[in-house]
Amino acid sequence: AWLADKKDRIELAFLPPYAPESNPDEYLNRDFNTALRTGAVSTDKNSFMAKATAFMDRLCQMPQKVASYFRHPSARYAMSGI
C-alpha cells in the first residue's frame, strides 16, 4: 500500500534470500575489509578509525571505483536508469 503512490519513483528489485553477489554494498565491504587487514596492524581504536577514515577518504576521490560496485554483472540491476 505504501508503494502504490510512489511507483513512478521507486522500483522494487526482489532478490533471493541470500545473494551477496547481487548487493553492491558487499563489494565495498570487501574492499573496506581488505584495506583494514593490510598495512600496519591497528592496535587501538584511534589507529583503527584512522585506517578506516583514510580508506573512505580515498574512496571519495575515486567515483569510478564506487561505480564499479554497481557494474558487476550480478549487481547491474541496481544501476538501471542511472
PDB file of N, CA and C in Angstrom:
ATOM      1  N   ALA A   1       0.833  -1.192   0.000  1.00  0.00           N
ATOM      2  CA  ALA A   1       0.000   0.000   0.000  1.00  0.00           C
ATOM      3  C   ALA A   1       0.880   1.259   0.000  1.00  0.00           C
ATOM      4  N   TRP A   2       1.952   1.244   0.789  1.00  0.00           N
ATOM      5  CA  TRP A   2       2.829   2.414   0.872  1.00  0.00           C
ATOM      6  C   TRP A   2       3.429   2.744  -0.490  1.00  0.00           C
ATOM      7  N   LEU A   3       3.740   1.735  -1.278  1.00  0.00           N
ATOM      8  CA  LEU A   3       4.385   1.921  -2.566  1.00  0.00           C
ATOM      9  C   LEU A   3       3.426   2.403  -3.658  1.00  0.00           C
ATOM     10  N   ALA A   4       2.162   2.177  -3.478  1.00  0.00           N
ATOM     11  CA  ALA A   4       1.178   2.426  -4.540  1.00  0.00           C
ATOM     12  C   ALA A   4       1.314   3.806  -5.173  1.00  0.00           C
ATOM     13  N   ASP A   5       1.457   4.850  -4.406  1.00  0.00           N
ATOM     14  CA  ASP A   5       1.539   6.200  -4.978  1.00  0.00           C
ATOM     15  C   ASP A   5       2.983   6.632  -5.279  1.00  0.00           C
ATOM     16  N   LYS A   6       3.935   5.718  -5.166  1.00  0.00           N
ATOM     17  CA  LYS A   6       5.336   6.041  -5.404  1.00  0.00           C
ATOM     18  C   LYS A   6       5.942   5.216  -6.543  1.00  0.00           C
ATOM     19  N   LYS A   7       5.140   4.445  -7.237  1.00  0.00           N
ATOM     20  CA  LYS A   7       5.655   3.539  -8.267  1.00  0.00           C
ATOM     21  C   LYS A   7       6.395   4.258  -9.382  1.00  0.00           C
ATOM     22  N   ASP A   8       6.105   5.527  -9.598  1.00  0.00           N
ATOM     23  CA  ASP A   8       6.811   6.273 -10.639  1.00  0.00           C
ATOM     24  C   ASP A   8       8.211   6.692 -10.191  1.00  0.00           C
ATOM     25  N   ARG A   9       8.528   6.574  -8.886  1.00  0.00           N
ATOM     26  CA  ARG A   9       9.833   6.979  -8.360  1.00  0.00           C
ATOM     27  C   ARG A   9      10.632   5.834  -7.758  1.00  0.00           C
ATOM     28  N   ILE A  10       9.965   4.738  -7.422  1.00  0.00           N
ATOM     29  CA  ILE A  10      10.632   3.616  -6.766  1.00  0.00           C
ATOM     30  C   ILE A  10      10.337   2.334  -7.517  1.00  0.00           C
ATOM     31  N   GLU A  11      11.407   1.603  -7.834  1.00  0.00           N
ATOM     32  CA  GLU A  11      11.246   0.294  -8.461  1.00  0.00           C
ATOM     33  C   GLU A  11      11.765  -0.762  -7.498  1.00  0.00           C
ATOM     34  N   LEU A  12      10.974  -1.747  -7.210  1.00  0.00           N
ATOM     35  CA  LEU A  12      11.388  -2.827  -6.332  1.00  0.00           C
ATOM     36  C   LEU A  12      12.167  -3.871  -7.123  1.00  0.00           C
ATOM     37  N   ALA A  13      13.219  -4.381  -6.511  1.00  0.00           N
ATOM     38  CA  ALA A  13      14.002  -5.464  -7.095  1.00  0.00           C
ATOM     39  C   ALA A  13      14.039  -6.575  -6.067  1.00  0.00           C
ATOM     40  N   PHE A  14      13.368  -7.659  -6.346  1.00  0.00           N
ATOM     41  CA  PHE A  14      13.312  -8.776  -5.412  1.00  0.00           C
ATOM     42  C   PHE A  14      14.532  -9.663  -5.614  1.00  0.00           C
ATOM     43  N   LEU A  15      15.248  -9.894  -4.538  1.00  0.00           N
ATOM     44  CA  LEU A  15      16.461 -10.695  -4.562  1.00  0.00           C
ATOM     45  C   LEU A  15      16.233 -12.000  -3.823  1.00  0.00           C
ATOM     46  N   PRO A  16      17.019 -13.013  -4.143  1.00  0.00           N
ATOM     47  CA  PRO A  16      16.943 -14.259  -3.378  1.00  0.00           C
ATOM     48  C   PRO A  16      17.272 -13.976  -1.907  1.00  0.00           C
ATOM     49  N   PRO A  17      16.881 -14.874  -1.002  1.00  0.00           N
ATOM     50  CA  PRO A  17      17.128 -14.639   0.425  1.00  0.00           C
ATOM     51  C   PRO A  17      18.601 -14.373   0.757  1.00  0.00           C
ATOM     52  N   TYR A  18      19.518 -15.042   0.085  1.00  0.00           N
ATOM     53  CA  TYR A  18      20.934 -14.808   0.332  1.00  0.00           C
ATOM     54  C   TYR A  18      21.624 -14.658  -1.010  1.00  0.00           C
ATOM     55  N   ALA A  19      21.937 -13.440  -1.365  1.00  0.00           N
ATOM     56  CA  ALA A  19      22.572 -13.178  -2.652  1.00  0.00           C
ATOM     57  C   ALA A  19      23.563 -12.032  -2.508  1.00  0.00           C
ATOM     58  N   PRO A  20      24.650 -12.218  -1.746  1.00  0.00           N
ATOM     59  CA  PRO A  20      25.591 -11.118  -1.538  1.00  0.00           C
ATOM     60  C   PRO A  20      26.198 -10.600  -2.839  1.00  0.00           C
ATOM     61  N   GLU A  21      26.334 -11.462  -3.841  1.00  0.00           N
ATOM     62  CA  GLU A  21      26.900 -11.010  -5.113  1.00  0.00           C
ATOM     63  C   GLU A  21      25.981 -10.022  -5.832  1.00  0.00           C
ATOM     64  N   SER A  22      24.724  -9.961  -5.441  1.00  0.00           N
ATOM     65  CA  SER A  22      23.772  -9.033  -6.052  1.00  0.00           C
ATOM     66  C   SER A  22      23.665  -7.713  -5.292  1.00  0.00           C
ATOM     67  N   ASN A  23      24.435  -7.573  -4.232  1.00  0.00           N
ATOM     68  CA  ASN A  23      24.364  -6.386  -3.388  1.00  0.00           C
ATOM     69  C   ASN A  23      25.634  -5.557  -3.573  1.00  0.00           C
ATOM     70  N   PRO A  24      25.531  -4.376  -4.211  1.00  0.00           N
ATOM     71  CA  PRO A  24      26.725  -3.547  -4.417  1.00  0.00           C
ATOM     72  C   PRO A  24      27.467  -3.225  -3.116  1.00  0.00           C
ATOM     73  N   ASP A  25      26.759  -3.151  -2.009  1.00  0.00           N
ATOM     74  CA  ASP A  25      27.405  -2.888  -0.714  1.00  0.00           C
ATOM     75  C   ASP A  25      28.449  -3.937  -0.382  1.00  0.00           C
ATOM     76  N   GLU A  26      28.230  -5.165  -0.799  1.00  0.00           N
ATOM     77  CA  GLU A  26      29.162  -6.241  -0.477  1.00  0.00           C
ATOM     78  C   GLU A  26      30.525  -6.017  -1.139  1.00  0.00           C
ATOM     79  N   TYR A  27      30.547  -5.392  -2.304  1.00  0.00           N
ATOM     80  CA  TYR A  27      31.808  -5.125  -2.980  1.00  0.00           C
ATOM     81  C   TYR A  27      32.580  -4.033  -2.248  1.00  0.00           C
ATOM     82  N   LEU A  28      31.875  -3.023  -1.771  1.00  0.00           N
ATOM     83  CA  LEU A  28      32.514  -2.005  -0.946  1.00  0.00           C
ATOM     84  C   LEU A  28      33.020  -2.622   0.356  1.00  0.00           C
ATOM     85  N   ASN A  29      32.202  -3.453   0.994  1.00  0.00           N
ATOM     86  CA  ASN A  29      32.607  -4.099   2.245  1.00  0.00           C
ATOM     87  C   ASN A  29      33.873  -4.929   2.051  1.00  0.00           C
ATOM     88  N   ARG A  30      33.954  -5.634   0.930  1.00  0.00           N
ATOM     89  CA  ARG A  30      35.149  -6.442   0.648  1.00  0.00           C
ATOM     90  C   ARG A  30      36.388  -5.558   0.566  1.00  0.00           C
ATOM     91  N   ASP A  31      36.287  -4.463  -0.186  1.00  0.00           N
ATOM     92  CA  ASP A  31      37.430  -3.557  -0.318  1.00  0.00           C
ATOM     93  C   ASP A  31      37.787  -2.909   1.018  1.00  0.00           C
ATOM     94  N   PHE A  32      36.781  -2.529   1.771  1.00  0.00           N
ATOM     95  CA  PHE A  32      36.990  -1.899   3.077  1.00  0.00           C
ATOM     96  C   PHE A  32      37.702  -2.863   4.027  1.00  0.00           C
ATOM     97  N   ASN A  33      37.205  -4.089   4.108  1.00  0.00           N
ATOM     98  CA  ASN A  33      37.815  -5.081   5.000  1.00  0.00           C
ATOM     99  C   ASN A  33      39.239  -5.424   4.573  1.00  0.00           C
ATOM    100  N   THR A  34      39.471  -5.486   3.265  1.00  0.00           N
ATOM    101  CA  THR A  34      40.825  -5.739   2.774  1.00  0.00           C
ATOM    102  C   THR A  34      41.760  -4.611   3.190  1.00  0.00           C
ATOM    103  N   ALA A  35      41.297  -3.374   3.058  1.00  0.00           N
ATOM    104  CA  ALA A  35      42.113  -2.219   3.448  1.00  0.00           C
ATOM    105  C   ALA A  35      42.437  -2.253   4.939  1.00  0.00           C
ATOM    106  N   LEU A  36      41.479  -2.680   5.745  1.00  0.00           N
ATOM    107  CA  LEU A  36      41.725  -2.734   7.191  1.00  0.00           C
ATOM    108  C   LEU A  36      42.701  -3.837   7.570  1.00  0.00           C
ATOM    109  N   ARG A  37      42.756  -4.908   6.775  1.00  0.00           N
ATOM    110  CA  ARG A  37      43.649  -6.032   7.080  1.00  0.00           C
ATOM    111  C   ARG A  37      45.070  -5.824   6.577  1.00  0.00           C
ATOM    112  N   THR A  38      45.266  -4.893   5.647  1.00  0.00           N
ATOM    113  CA  THR A  38      46.594  -4.702   5.069  1.00  0.00           C
ATOM    114  C   THR A  38      47.325  -3.563   5.776  1.00  0.00           C
ATOM    115  N   GLY A  39      48.616  -3.522   5.598  1.00  0.00           N
ATOM    116  CA  GLY A  39      49.414  -2.463   6.217  1.00  0.00           C
ATOM    117  C   GLY A  39      49.621  -2.715   7.696  1.00  0.00           C
ATOM    118  N   ALA A  40      49.936  -1.656   8.393  1.00  0.00           N
ATOM    119  CA  ALA A  40      50.209  -1.756   9.831  1.00  0.00           C
ATOM    120  C   ALA A  40      48.966  -2.226  10.586  1.00  0.00           C
ATOM    121  N   VAL A  41      49.203  -3.053  11.587  1.00  0.00           N
ATOM    122  CA  VAL A  41      48.110  -3.574  12.407  1.00  0.00           C
ATOM    123  C   VAL A  41      47.609  -2.467  13.334  1.00  0.00           C
ATOM    124  N   SER A  42      46.303  -2.312  13.392  1.00  0.00           N
ATOM    125  CA  SER A  42      45.705  -1.343  14.309  1.00  0.00           C
ATOM    126  C   SER A  42      45.724  -1.936  15.710  1.00  0.00           C
ATOM    127  N   THR A  43      46.313  -1.208  16.629  1.00  0.00           N
ATOM    128  CA  THR A  43      46.440  -1.722  17.994  1.00  0.00           C
ATOM    129  C   THR A  43      45.476  -1.060  18.971  1.00  0.00           C
ATOM    130  N   ASP A  44      44.792  -0.027  18.508  1.00  0.00           N
ATOM    131  CA  ASP A  44      43.816   0.642  19.375  1.00  0.00           C
ATOM    132  C   ASP A  44      42.718   1.258  18.514  1.00  0.00           C
ATOM    133  N   LYS A  45      41.712   1.765  19.186  1.00  0.00           N
ATOM    134  CA  LYS A  45      40.544   2.314  18.476  1.00  0.00           C
ATOM    135  C   LYS A  45      40.944   3.480  17.569  1.00  0.00           C
ATOM    136  N   ASN A  46      41.829   4.343  18.032  1.00  0.00           N
ATOM    137  CA  ASN A  46      42.218   5.512  17.229  1.00  0.00           C
ATOM    138  C   ASN A  46      42.931   5.122  15.948  1.00  0.00           C
ATOM    139  N   SER A  47      43.845   4.153  16.022  1.00  0.00           N
ATOM    140  CA  SER A  47      44.550   3.747  14.801  1.00  0.00           C
ATOM    141  C   SER A  47      43.606   3.014  13.847  1.00  0.00           C
ATOM    142  N   PHE A  48      42.677   2.265  14.408  1.00  0.00           N
ATOM    143  CA  PHE A  48      41.682   1.586  13.577  1.00  0.00           C
ATOM    144  C   PHE A  48      40.803   2.615  12.857  1.00  0.00           C
ATOM    145  N   MET A  49      40.331   3.602  13.592  1.00  0.00           N
ATOM    146  CA  MET A  49      39.483   4.635  12.988  1.00  0.00           C
ATOM    147  C   MET A  49      40.259   5.444  11.949  1.00  0.00           C
ATOM    148  N   ALA A  50      41.535   5.696  12.202  1.00  0.00           N
ATOM    149  CA  ALA A  50      42.353   6.431  11.235  1.00  0.00           C
ATOM    150  C   ALA A  50      42.478   5.635   9.938  1.00  0.00           C
ATOM    151  N   LYS A  51      42.678   4.332  10.067  1.00  0.00           N
ATOM    152  CA  LYS A  51      42.796   3.478   8.886  1.00  0.00           C
ATOM    153  C   LYS A  51      41.473   3.435   8.118  1.00  0.00           C
ATOM    154  N   ALA A  52      40.369   3.305   8.839  1.00  0.00           N
ATOM    155  CA  ALA A  52      39.047   3.268   8.206  1.00  0.00           C
ATOM    156  C   ALA A  52      38.733   4.597   7.523  1.00  0.00           C
ATOM    157  N   THR A  53      39.027   5.693   8.194  1.00  0.00           N
ATOM    158  CA  THR A  53      38.764   7.023   7.632  1.00  0.00           C
ATOM    159  C   THR A  53      39.632   7.268   6.402  1.00  0.00           C
ATOM    160  N   ALA A  54      40.879   6.836   6.451  1.00  0.00           N
ATOM    161  CA  ALA A  54      41.765   7.007   5.294  1.00  0.00           C
ATOM    162  C   ALA A  54      41.213   6.259   4.087  1.00  0.00           C
ATOM    163  N   PHE A  55      40.718   5.038   4.295  1.00  0.00           N
ATOM    164  CA  PHE A  55      40.132   4.290   3.183  1.00  0.00           C
ATOM    165  C   PHE A  55      38.938   5.039   2.593  1.00  0.00           C
ATOM    166  N   MET A  56      38.036   5.479   3.461  1.00  0.00           N
ATOM    167  CA  MET A  56      36.835   6.166   2.973  1.00  0.00           C
ATOM    168  C   MET A  56      37.190   7.482   2.284  1.00  0.00           C
ATOM    169  N   ASP A  57      38.181   8.191   2.802  1.00  0.00           N
ATOM    170  CA  ASP A  57      38.620   9.434   2.150  1.00  0.00           C
ATOM    171  C   ASP A  57      39.175   9.152   0.749  1.00  0.00           C
ATOM    172  N   ARG A  58      39.970   8.071   0.624  1.00  0.00           N
ATOM    173  CA  ARG A  58      40.490   7.699  -0.705  1.00  0.00           C
ATOM    174  C   ARG A  58      39.340   7.316  -1.635  1.00  0.00           C
ATOM    175  N   LEU A  59      38.386   6.570  -1.114  1.00  0.00           N
ATOM    176  CA  LEU A  59      37.266   6.127  -1.938  1.00  0.00           C
ATOM    177  C   LEU A  59      36.441   7.316  -2.437  1.00  0.00           C
ATOM    178  N   CYS A  60      36.315   8.335  -1.620  1.00  0.00           N
ATOM    179  CA  CYS A  60      35.581   9.544  -2.038  1.00  0.00           C
ATOM    180  C   CYS A  60      36.240  10.215  -3.237  1.00  0.00           C
ATOM    181  N   GLN A  61      37.525   9.989  -3.412  1.00  0.00           N
ATOM    182  CA  GLN A  61      38.256  10.583  -4.532  1.00  0.00           C
ATOM    183  C   GLN A  61      38.224   9.710  -5.777  1.00  0.00           C
ATOM    184  N   MET A  62      37.539   8.549  -5.688  1.00  0.00           N
ATOM    185  CA  MET A  62      37.512   7.602  -6.806  1.00  0.00           C
ATOM    186  C   MET A  62      36.072   7.220  -7.168  1.00  0.00           C
ATOM    187  N   PRO A  63      35.307   8.146  -7.736  1.00  0.00           N
ATOM    188  CA  PRO A  63      33.919   7.811  -8.077  1.00  0.00           C
ATOM    189  C   PRO A  63      33.812   6.637  -9.047  1.00  0.00           C
ATOM    190  N   GLN A  64      34.840   6.445  -9.889  1.00  0.00           N
ATOM    191  CA  GLN A  64      34.816   5.313 -10.821  1.00  0.00           C
ATOM    192  C   GLN A  64      34.874   3.985 -10.073  1.00  0.00           C
ATOM    193  N   LYS A  65      35.547   3.950  -8.938  1.00  0.00           N
ATOM    194  CA  LYS A  65      35.613   2.729  -8.134  1.00  0.00           C
ATOM    195  C   LYS A  65      34.240   2.431  -7.538  1.00  0.00           C
ATOM    196  N   VAL A  66      33.589   3.466  -7.013  1.00  0.00           N
ATOM    197  CA  VAL A  66      32.252   3.287  -6.445  1.00  0.00           C
ATOM    198  C   VAL A  66      31.292   2.811  -7.529  1.00  0.00           C
ATOM    199  N   ALA A  67      31.372   3.399  -8.710  1.00  0.00           N
ATOM    200  CA  ALA A  67      30.510   2.991  -9.823  1.00  0.00           C
ATOM    201  C   ALA A  67      30.755   1.535 -10.201  1.00  0.00           C
ATOM    202  N   SER A  68      31.997   1.065 -10.039  1.00  0.00           N
ATOM    203  CA  SER A  68      32.305  -0.315 -10.415  1.00  0.00           C
ATOM    204  C   SER A  68      31.553  -1.326  -9.550  1.00  0.00           C
ATOM    205  N   TYR A  69      31.203  -0.955  -8.331  1.00  0.00           N
ATOM    206  CA  TYR A  69      30.430  -1.863  -7.486  1.00  0.00           C
ATOM    207  C   TYR A  69      29.064  -2.155  -8.117  1.00  0.00           C
ATOM    208  N   PHE A  70      28.548  -1.203  -8.854  1.00  0.00           N
ATOM    209  CA  PHE A  70      27.239  -1.351  -9.493  1.00  0.00           C
ATOM    210  C   PHE A  70      27.341  -1.978 -10.875  1.00  0.00           C
ATOM    211  N   ARG A  71      28.540  -2.022 -11.437  1.00  0.00           N
ATOM    212  CA  ARG A  71      28.722  -2.593 -12.776  1.00  0.00           C
ATOM    213  C   ARG A  71      28.926  -4.098 -12.768  1.00  0.00           C
ATOM    214  N   HIS A  72      29.121  -4.668 -11.598  1.00  0.00           N
ATOM    215  CA  HIS A  72      29.289  -6.122 -11.524  1.00  0.00           C
ATOM    216  C   HIS A  72      28.055  -6.760 -12.159  1.00  0.00           C
ATOM    217  N   PRO A  73      28.221  -7.797 -12.971  1.00  0.00           N
ATOM    218  CA  PRO A  73      27.074  -8.393 -13.664  1.00  0.00           C
ATOM    219  C   PRO A  73      25.898  -8.745 -12.743  1.00  0.00           C
ATOM    220  N   SER A  74      26.180  -9.175 -11.537  1.00  0.00           N
ATOM    221  CA  SER A  74      25.084  -9.553 -10.635  1.00  0.00           C
ATOM    222  C   SER A  74      24.426  -8.374  -9.965  1.00  0.00           C
ATOM    223  N   ALA A  75      25.067  -7.192 -10.032  1.00  0.00           N
ATOM    224  CA  ALA A  75      24.522  -6.020  -9.340  1.00  0.00           C
ATOM    225  C   ALA A  75      24.049  -4.944 -10.296  1.00  0.00           C
ATOM    226  N   ARG A  76      24.098  -5.216 -11.585  1.00  0.00           N
ATOM    227  CA  ARG A  76      23.705  -4.194 -12.574  1.00  0.00           C
ATOM    228  C   ARG A  76      22.265  -3.726 -12.431  1.00  0.00           C
ATOM    229  N   TYR A  77      21.408  -4.576 -11.887  1.00  0.00           N
ATOM    230  CA  TYR A  77      20.012  -4.177 -11.693  1.00  0.00           C
ATOM    231  C   TYR A  77      19.926  -2.881 -10.889  1.00  0.00           C
ATOM    232  N   ALA A  78      20.884  -2.648  -9.994  1.00  0.00           N
ATOM    233  CA  ALA A  78      20.841  -1.503  -9.093  1.00  0.00           C
ATOM    234  C   ALA A  78      21.187  -0.192  -9.786  1.00  0.00           C
ATOM    235  N   MET A  79      21.726  -0.249 -10.991  1.00  0.00           N
ATOM    236  CA  MET A  79      22.083   0.981 -11.687  1.00  0.00           C
ATOM    237  C   MET A  79      21.157   1.296 -12.861  1.00  0.00           C
ATOM    238  N   SER A  80      20.071   0.574 -12.980  1.00  0.00           N
ATOM    239  CA  SER A  80      19.163   0.872 -14.091  1.00  0.00           C
ATOM    240  C   SER A  80      18.619   2.289 -13.946  1.00  0.00           C
ATOM    241  N   GLY A  81      18.669   3.004 -15.026  1.00  0.00           N
ATOM    242  CA  GLY A  81      18.182   4.377 -15.041  1.00  0.00           C
ATOM    243  C   GLY A  81      19.214   5.401 -14.604  1.00  0.00           C
ATOM    244  N   ILE A  82      20.447   4.960 -14.300  1.00  0.00           N
ATOM    245  CA  ILE A  82      21.483   5.902 -13.856  1.00  0.00           C
ATOM    246  C   ILE A  82      22.328   6.273 -15.053  1.00  0.00           C
TER     247      ILE A  82
END
